[in-house]
Amino acid sequence: MWVDSGLVFTNFTGRAVSPHDHSLHWTAFLERSGVRPARLHDARHTAATFLLVQGVDQRVVMDMLGWTSPTMTARYQHVVPERVEEANRRMSELLWGDRSSARE
């Protein structure tokens, strides 16, 4: 009865999961995991942002998430404060050298 549909998420016969059932399973999964309610689509934003935080190259992220345009990266990846602080620290070191050892 299995149908090789090429899909990542399928029902028990390999066919596409109905959007309604998919949402029910996702909601139940989050609840069991102790995670606050969120849309499945929000997981794409989270994945894109986590990849950014890990320093994964934009082209790799695009390929992983099936994007063909870099504008999608800007739409999905969210800048986190730690990355801004890191960029500021790097720029400061570039301009004025490593000042952390001078304070010690």
C-alpha atoms as a PDB file:
ATOM      1  CA  MET A   1       0.000   0.000   0.000  1.00  0.00           C
ATOM      2  CA  TRP A   2       3.035   2.325   0.352  1.00  0.00           C
ATOM      3  CA  VAL A   3       3.254   5.133  -2.191  1.00  0.00           C
ATOM      4  CA  ASP A   4       6.693   6.738  -2.580  1.00  0.00           C
ATOM      5  CA  SER A   5       5.567  10.350  -2.892  1.00  0.00           C
ATOM      6  CA  GLY A   6       8.971  11.910  -2.181  1.00  0.00           C
ATOM      7  CA  LEU A   7       7.471  13.900   0.680  1.00  0.00           C
ATOM      8  CA  VAL A   8       9.220  14.327   4.018  1.00  0.00           C
ATOM      9  CA  PHE A   9       6.067  14.063   6.132  1.00  0.00           C
ATOM     10  CA  THR A  10       3.536  11.472   5.071  1.00  0.00           C
ATOM     11  CA  ASN A  11       0.702   9.420   6.451  1.00  0.00           C
ATOM     12  CA  PHE A  12       1.189   5.688   7.044  1.00  0.00           C
ATOM     13  CA  THR A  13       0.754   4.894   3.322  1.00  0.00           C
ATOM     14  CA  GLY A  14       3.261   7.501   2.073  1.00  0.00           C
ATOM     15  CA  ARG A  15       0.680   9.995   0.873  1.00  0.00           C
ATOM     16  CA  ALA A  16       0.532  13.664   1.852  1.00  0.00           C
ATOM     17  CA  VAL A  17      -0.727  14.437   5.352  1.00  0.00           C
ATOM     18  CA  SER A  18      -3.807  16.623   5.343  1.00  0.00           C
ATOM     19  CA  PRO A  19      -3.064  20.146   6.610  1.00  0.00           C
ATOM     20  CA  HIS A  20      -5.646  19.754   9.378  1.00  0.00           C
ATOM     21  CA  ASP A  21      -4.100  16.500  10.644  1.00  0.00           C
ATOM     22  CA  HIS A  22      -0.632  17.975  10.350  1.00  0.00           C
ATOM     23  CA  SER A  23      -1.605  20.887  12.592  1.00  0.00           C
ATOM     24  CA  LEU A  24      -3.176  18.547  15.153  1.00  0.00           C
ATOM     25  CA  HIS A  25      -0.019  16.391  15.310  1.00  0.00           C
ATOM     26  CA  TRP A  26       2.232  19.462  15.570  1.00  0.00           C
ATOM     27  CA  THR A  27       0.136  20.957  18.377  1.00  0.00           C
ATOM     28  CA  ALA A  28       0.161  17.647  20.277  1.00  0.00           C
ATOM     29  CA  PHE A  29       3.934  17.331  19.797  1.00  0.00           C
ATOM     30  CA  LEU A  30       4.565  20.809  21.237  1.00  0.00           C
ATOM     31  CA  GLU A  31       2.261  20.116  24.173  1.00  0.00           C
ATOM     32  CA  ARG A  32       4.010  16.805  24.977  1.00  0.00           C
ATOM     33  CA  SER A  33       7.383  18.555  24.707  1.00  0.00           C
ATOM     34  CA  GLY A  34       6.372  21.359  27.072  1.00  0.00           C
ATOM     35  CA  VAL A  35       6.800  24.003  24.368  1.00  0.00           C
ATOM     36  CA  ARG A  36       4.421  26.934  24.074  1.00  0.00           C
ATOM     37  CA  PRO A  37       1.853  26.762  21.271  1.00  0.00           C
ATOM     38  CA  ALA A  38       3.177  27.903  17.878  1.00  0.00           C
ATOM     39  CA  ARG A  39       2.385  27.401  14.230  1.00  0.00           C
ATOM     40  CA  LEU A  40       4.379  24.772  12.376  1.00  0.00           C
ATOM     41  CA  HIS A  41       5.442  27.534  10.009  1.00  0.00           C
ATOM     42  CA  ASP A  42       7.108  29.299  12.970  1.00  0.00           C
ATOM     43  CA  ALA A  43       9.527  26.375  13.150  1.00  0.00           C
ATOM     44  CA  ARG A  44      10.983  27.496   9.796  1.00  0.00           C
ATOM     45  CA  HIS A  45      11.708  30.929  11.254  1.00  0.00           C
ATOM     46  CA  THR A  46      13.317  29.311  14.297  1.00  0.00           C
ATOM     47  CA  ALA A  47      15.413  26.974  12.159  1.00  0.00           C
ATOM     48  CA  ALA A  48      16.596  29.825   9.925  1.00  0.00           C
ATOM     49  CA  THR A  49      17.510  31.949  12.941  1.00  0.00           C
ATOM     50  CA  PHE A  50      19.331  29.086  14.692  1.00  0.00           C
ATOM     51  CA  LEU A  51      21.346  28.454  11.535  1.00  0.00           C
ATOM     52  CA  LEU A  52      22.256  32.164  11.422  1.00  0.00           C
ATOM     53  CA  VAL A  53      23.358  32.087  15.071  1.00  0.00           C
ATOM     54  CA  GLN A  54      25.537  29.053  14.286  1.00  0.00           C
ATOM     55  CA  GLY A  55      27.212  30.984  11.461  1.00  0.00           C
ATOM     56  CA  VAL A  56      25.932  28.710   8.686  1.00  0.00           C
ATOM     57  CA  ASP A  57      26.545  30.217   5.248  1.00  0.00           C
ATOM     58  CA  GLN A  58      23.472  31.880   3.720  1.00  0.00           C
ATOM     59  CA  ARG A  59      23.616  29.716   0.588  1.00  0.00           C
ATOM     60  CA  VAL A  60      23.552  26.571   2.716  1.00  0.00           C
ATOM     61  CA  VAL A  61      20.516  27.863   4.615  1.00  0.00           C
ATOM     62  CA  MET A  62      18.823  28.696   1.329  1.00  0.00           C
ATOM     63  CA  ASP A  63      19.430  25.181   0.043  1.00  0.00           C
ATOM     64  CA  MET A  64      18.292  23.502   3.257  1.00  0.00           C
ATOM     65  CA  LEU A  65      15.025  25.433   3.366  1.00  0.00           C
ATOM     66  CA  GLY A  66      14.380  25.242  -0.384  1.00  0.00           C
ATOM     67  CA  TRP A  67      14.770  28.929  -1.164  1.00  0.00           C
ATOM     68  CA  THR A  68      15.990  30.272  -4.504  1.00  0.00           C
ATOM     69  CA  SER A  69      16.235  33.941  -3.531  1.00  0.00           C
ATOM     70  CA  PRO A  70      18.357  35.565  -0.799  1.00  0.00           C
ATOM     71  CA  THR A  71      15.390  37.809   0.031  1.00  0.00           C
ATOM     72  CA  MET A  72      13.750  34.811   1.692  1.00  0.00           C
ATOM     73  CA  THR A  73      16.677  34.674   4.122  1.00  0.00           C
ATOM     74  CA  ALA A  74      15.991  38.259   5.191  1.00  0.00           C
ATOM     75  CA  ARG A  75      12.317  37.417   5.670  1.00  0.00           C
ATOM     76  CA  TYR A  76      12.893  34.315   7.803  1.00  0.00           C
ATOM     77  CA  GLN A  77      16.089  34.947   9.763  1.00  0.00           C
ATOM     78  CA  HIS A  78      15.755  37.216  12.764  1.00  0.00           C
ATOM     79  CA  VAL A  79      18.721  39.124  14.165  1.00  0.00           C
ATOM     80  CA  VAL A  80      19.419  38.182  17.761  1.00  0.00           C
ATOM     81  CA  PRO A  81      21.082  40.590  20.244  1.00  0.00           C
ATOM     82  CA  GLU A  82      24.025  38.250  20.834  1.00  0.00           C
ATOM     83  CA  ARG A  83      24.955  38.423  17.134  1.00  0.00           C
ATOM     84  CA  VAL A  84      24.832  42.238  17.226  1.00  0.00           C
ATOM     85  CA  GLU A  85      27.080  42.272  20.300  1.00  0.00           C
ATOM     86  CA  GLU A  86      29.505  39.882  18.597  1.00  0.00           C
ATOM     87  CA  ALA A  87      29.620  42.092  15.487  1.00  0.00           C
ATOM     88  CA  ASN A  88      30.283  45.152  17.668  1.00  0.00           C
ATOM     89  CA  ARG A  89      33.069  43.348  19.531  1.00  0.00           C
ATOM     90  CA  ARG A  90      34.721  42.244  16.300  1.00  0.00           C
ATOM     91  CA  MET A  91      34.570  45.741  14.818  1.00  0.00           C
ATOM     92  CA  SER A  92      36.026  47.196  18.006  1.00  0.00           C
ATOM     93  CA  GLU A  93      38.913  44.688  17.898  1.00  0.00           C
ATOM     94  CA  LEU A  94      39.531  45.493  14.238  1.00  0.00           C
ATOM     95  CA  LEU A  95      39.667  49.232  14.864  1.00  0.00           C
ATOM     96  CA  TRP A  96      41.326  49.407  18.282  1.00  0.00           C
ATOM     97  CA  GLY A  97      42.811  45.963  18.871  1.00  0.00           C
ATOM     98  CA  ASP A  98      42.006  43.508  21.652  1.00  0.00           C
ATOM     99  CA  ARG A  99      41.466  45.721  24.702  1.00  0.00           C
ATOM    100  CA  SER A 100      40.288  42.915  27.022  1.00  0.00           C
ATOM    101  CA  SER A 101      43.885  42.019  27.979  1.00  0.00           C
ATOM    102  CA  ALA A 102      44.683  45.688  28.714  1.00  0.00           C
ATOM    103  CA  ARG A 103      42.030  45.784  31.462  1.00  0.00           C
ATOM    104  CA  GLU A 104      43.412  42.834  33.363  1.00  0.00           C
END
